[in-house]
Amino acid sequence: LNKAFQAEESPGVIYCISMQWFREWEAFVKGKDN
């Protein structure tokens, strides 16, 4: 886990992971509405 926190050196990686998580969450919410 320490290596994951050291990823601050490459914010692009964190941004990619955040976007991926957000899309999965968005798809989950949209699926619930339908």
PDB file of N, CA and C in Angstrom:
ATOM      1  N   LEU A   1       0.834  -1.196   0.000  1.00  0.00           N
ATOM      2  CA  LEU A   1       0.000   0.000   0.000  1.00  0.00           C
ATOM      3  C   LEU A   1       0.869   1.246   0.000  1.00  0.00           C
ATOM      4  N   ASN A   2       2.043   1.173   0.603  1.00  0.00           N
ATOM      5  CA  ASN A   2       2.914   2.344   0.640  1.00  0.00           C
ATOM      6  C   ASN A   2       3.243   2.827  -0.758  1.00  0.00           C
ATOM      7  N   LYS A   3       3.478   1.880  -1.665  1.00  0.00           N
ATOM      8  CA  LYS A   3       3.811   2.265  -3.036  1.00  0.00           C
ATOM      9  C   LYS A   3       2.652   3.029  -3.660  1.00  0.00           C
ATOM     10  N   ALA A   4       1.428   2.658  -3.322  1.00  0.00           N
ATOM     11  CA  ALA A   4       0.260   3.336  -3.887  1.00  0.00           C
ATOM     12  C   ALA A   4       0.240   4.788  -3.429  1.00  0.00           C
ATOM     13  N   PHE A   5       0.605   5.021  -2.169  1.00  0.00           N
ATOM     14  CA  PHE A   5       0.594   6.389  -1.663  1.00  0.00           C
ATOM     15  C   PHE A   5       1.757   7.194  -2.229  1.00  0.00           C
ATOM     16  N   GLN A   6       2.831   6.519  -2.606  1.00  0.00           N
ATOM     17  CA  GLN A   6       3.969   7.215  -3.196  1.00  0.00           C
ATOM     18  C   GLN A   6       3.639   7.680  -4.607  1.00  0.00           C
ATOM     19  N   ALA A   7       2.482   7.260  -5.132  1.00  0.00           N
ATOM     20  CA  ALA A   7       2.088   7.622  -6.491  1.00  0.00           C
ATOM     21  C   ALA A   7       1.838   9.120  -6.602  1.00  0.00           C
ATOM     22  N   GLU A   8       1.956   9.852  -5.481  1.00  0.00           N
ATOM     23  CA  GLU A   8       1.791  11.304  -5.545  1.00  0.00           C
ATOM     24  C   GLU A   8       2.789  11.898  -6.528  1.00  0.00           C
ATOM     25  N   GLU A   9       3.872  11.164  -6.769  1.00  0.00           N
ATOM     26  CA  GLU A   9       4.882  11.644  -7.711  1.00  0.00           C
ATOM     27  C   GLU A   9       4.296  11.704  -9.118  1.00  0.00           C
ATOM     28  N   SER A  10       3.291  10.861  -9.385  1.00  0.00           N
ATOM     29  CA  SER A  10       2.672  10.860 -10.716  1.00  0.00           C
ATOM     30  C   SER A  10       1.165  11.056 -10.568  1.00  0.00           C
ATOM     31  N   PRO A  11       0.721  12.294 -10.439  1.00  0.00           N
ATOM     32  CA  PRO A  11      -0.715  12.579 -10.247  1.00  0.00           C
ATOM     33  C   PRO A  11      -1.563  12.054 -11.389  1.00  0.00           C
ATOM     34  N   GLY A  12      -0.972  11.879 -12.567  1.00  0.00           N
ATOM     35  CA  GLY A  12      -1.723  11.352 -13.709  1.00  0.00           C
ATOM     36  C   GLY A  12      -2.288   9.983 -13.398  1.00  0.00           C
ATOM     37  N   VAL A  13      -1.518   9.171 -12.660  1.00  0.00           N
ATOM     38  CA  VAL A  13      -1.981   7.820 -12.324  1.00  0.00           C
ATOM     39  C   VAL A  13      -3.197   7.909 -11.407  1.00  0.00           C
ATOM     40  N   ILE A  14      -3.118   8.756 -10.403  1.00  0.00           N
ATOM     41  CA  ILE A  14      -4.242   8.907  -9.474  1.00  0.00           C
ATOM     42  C   ILE A  14      -5.461   9.423 -10.219  1.00  0.00           C
ATOM     43  N   TYR A  15      -5.241  10.338 -11.161  1.00  0.00           N
ATOM     44  CA  TYR A  15      -6.356  10.893 -11.942  1.00  0.00           C
ATOM     45  C   TYR A  15      -7.030   9.794 -12.739  1.00  0.00           C
ATOM     46  N   CYS A  16      -6.236   8.935 -13.365  1.00  0.00           N
ATOM     47  CA  CYS A  16      -6.789   7.830 -14.166  1.00  0.00           C
ATOM     48  C   CYS A  16      -7.614   6.903 -13.281  1.00  0.00           C
ATOM     49  N   ILE A  17      -7.076   6.557 -12.118  1.00  0.00           N
ATOM     50  CA  ILE A  17      -7.784   5.644 -11.215  1.00  0.00           C
ATOM     51  C   ILE A  17      -9.082   6.294 -10.740  1.00  0.00           C
ATOM     52  N   SER A  18      -9.033   7.599 -10.443  1.00  0.00           N
ATOM     53  CA  SER A  18     -10.228   8.288  -9.964  1.00  0.00           C
ATOM     54  C   SER A  18     -11.300   8.305 -11.039  1.00  0.00           C
ATOM     55  N   MET A  19     -10.910   8.579 -12.283  1.00  0.00           N
ATOM     56  CA  MET A  19     -11.876   8.618 -13.378  1.00  0.00           C
ATOM     57  C   MET A  19     -12.487   7.241 -13.579  1.00  0.00           C
ATOM     58  N   GLN A  20     -11.656   6.206 -13.493  1.00  0.00           N
ATOM     59  CA  GLN A  20     -12.152   4.835 -13.679  1.00  0.00           C
ATOM     60  C   GLN A  20     -13.173   4.509 -12.588  1.00  0.00           C
ATOM     61  N   TRP A  21     -12.845   4.872 -11.348  1.00  0.00           N
ATOM     62  CA  TRP A  21     -13.753   4.604 -10.240  1.00  0.00           C
ATOM     63  C   TRP A  21     -15.044   5.386 -10.415  1.00  0.00           C
ATOM     64  N   PHE A  22     -14.935   6.641 -10.852  1.00  0.00           N
ATOM     65  CA  PHE A  22     -16.115   7.485 -11.023  1.00  0.00           C
ATOM     66  C   PHE A  22     -17.032   6.918 -12.091  1.00  0.00           C
ATOM     67  N   ARG A  23     -16.454   6.423 -13.181  1.00  0.00           N
ATOM     68  CA  ARG A  23     -17.281   5.865 -14.258  1.00  0.00           C
ATOM     69  C   ARG A  23     -18.013   4.617 -13.778  1.00  0.00           C
ATOM     70  N   GLU A  24     -17.335   3.786 -12.999  1.00  0.00           N
ATOM     71  CA  GLU A  24     -17.991   2.573 -12.489  1.00  0.00           C
ATOM     72  C   GLU A  24     -19.136   2.967 -11.552  1.00  0.00           C
ATOM     73  N   TRP A  25     -18.904   3.978 -10.716  1.00  0.00           N
ATOM     74  CA  TRP A  25     -19.926   4.435  -9.781  1.00  0.00           C
ATOM     75  C   TRP A  25     -21.097   5.042 -10.548  1.00  0.00           C
ATOM     76  N   GLU A  26     -20.788   5.836 -11.569  1.00  0.00           N
ATOM     77  CA  GLU A  26     -21.836   6.464 -12.376  1.00  0.00           C
ATOM     78  C   GLU A  26     -22.693   5.394 -13.055  1.00  0.00           C
ATOM     79  N   ALA A  27     -22.038   4.370 -13.610  1.00  0.00           N
ATOM     80  CA  ALA A  27     -22.765   3.285 -14.281  1.00  0.00           C
ATOM     81  C   ALA A  27     -23.650   2.559 -13.267  1.00  0.00           C
ATOM     82  N   PHE A  28     -23.158   2.400 -12.041  1.00  0.00           N
ATOM     83  CA  PHE A  28     -23.923   1.720 -10.998  1.00  0.00           C
ATOM     84  C   PHE A  28     -25.175   2.527 -10.646  1.00  0.00           C
ATOM     85  N   VAL A  29     -25.010   3.846 -10.513  1.00  0.00           N
ATOM     86  CA  VAL A  29     -26.151   4.705 -10.165  1.00  0.00           C
ATOM     87  C   VAL A  29     -27.166   4.717 -11.298  1.00  0.00           C
ATOM     88  N   LYS A  30     -26.688   4.838 -12.528  1.00  0.00           N
ATOM     89  CA  LYS A  30     -27.607   4.850 -13.674  1.00  0.00           C
ATOM     90  C   LYS A  30     -28.347   3.518 -13.756  1.00  0.00           C
ATOM     91  N   GLY A  31     -27.661   2.428 -13.475  1.00  0.00           N
ATOM     92  CA  GLY A  31     -28.300   1.117 -13.515  1.00  0.00           C
ATOM     93  C   GLY A  31     -29.380   1.008 -12.449  1.00  0.00           C
ATOM     94  N   LYS A  32     -29.148   1.638 -11.294  1.00  0.00           N
ATOM     95  CA  LYS A  32     -30.132   1.607 -10.215  1.00  0.00           C
ATOM     96  C   LYS A  32     -31.377   2.392 -10.618  1.00  0.00           C
ATOM     97  N   ASP A  33     -31.190   3.538 -11.254  1.00  0.00           N
ATOM     98  CA  ASP A  33     -32.325   4.369 -11.653  1.00  0.00           C
ATOM     99  C   ASP A  33     -33.201   3.624 -12.649  1.00  0.00           C
ATOM    100  N   ASN A  34     -32.575   2.901 -13.555  1.00  0.00           N
ATOM    101  CA  ASN A  34     -33.345   2.169 -14.559  1.00  0.00           C
ATOM    102  C   ASN A  34     -33.813   0.849 -13.945  1.00  0.00           C
TER     103      ASN A  34
END
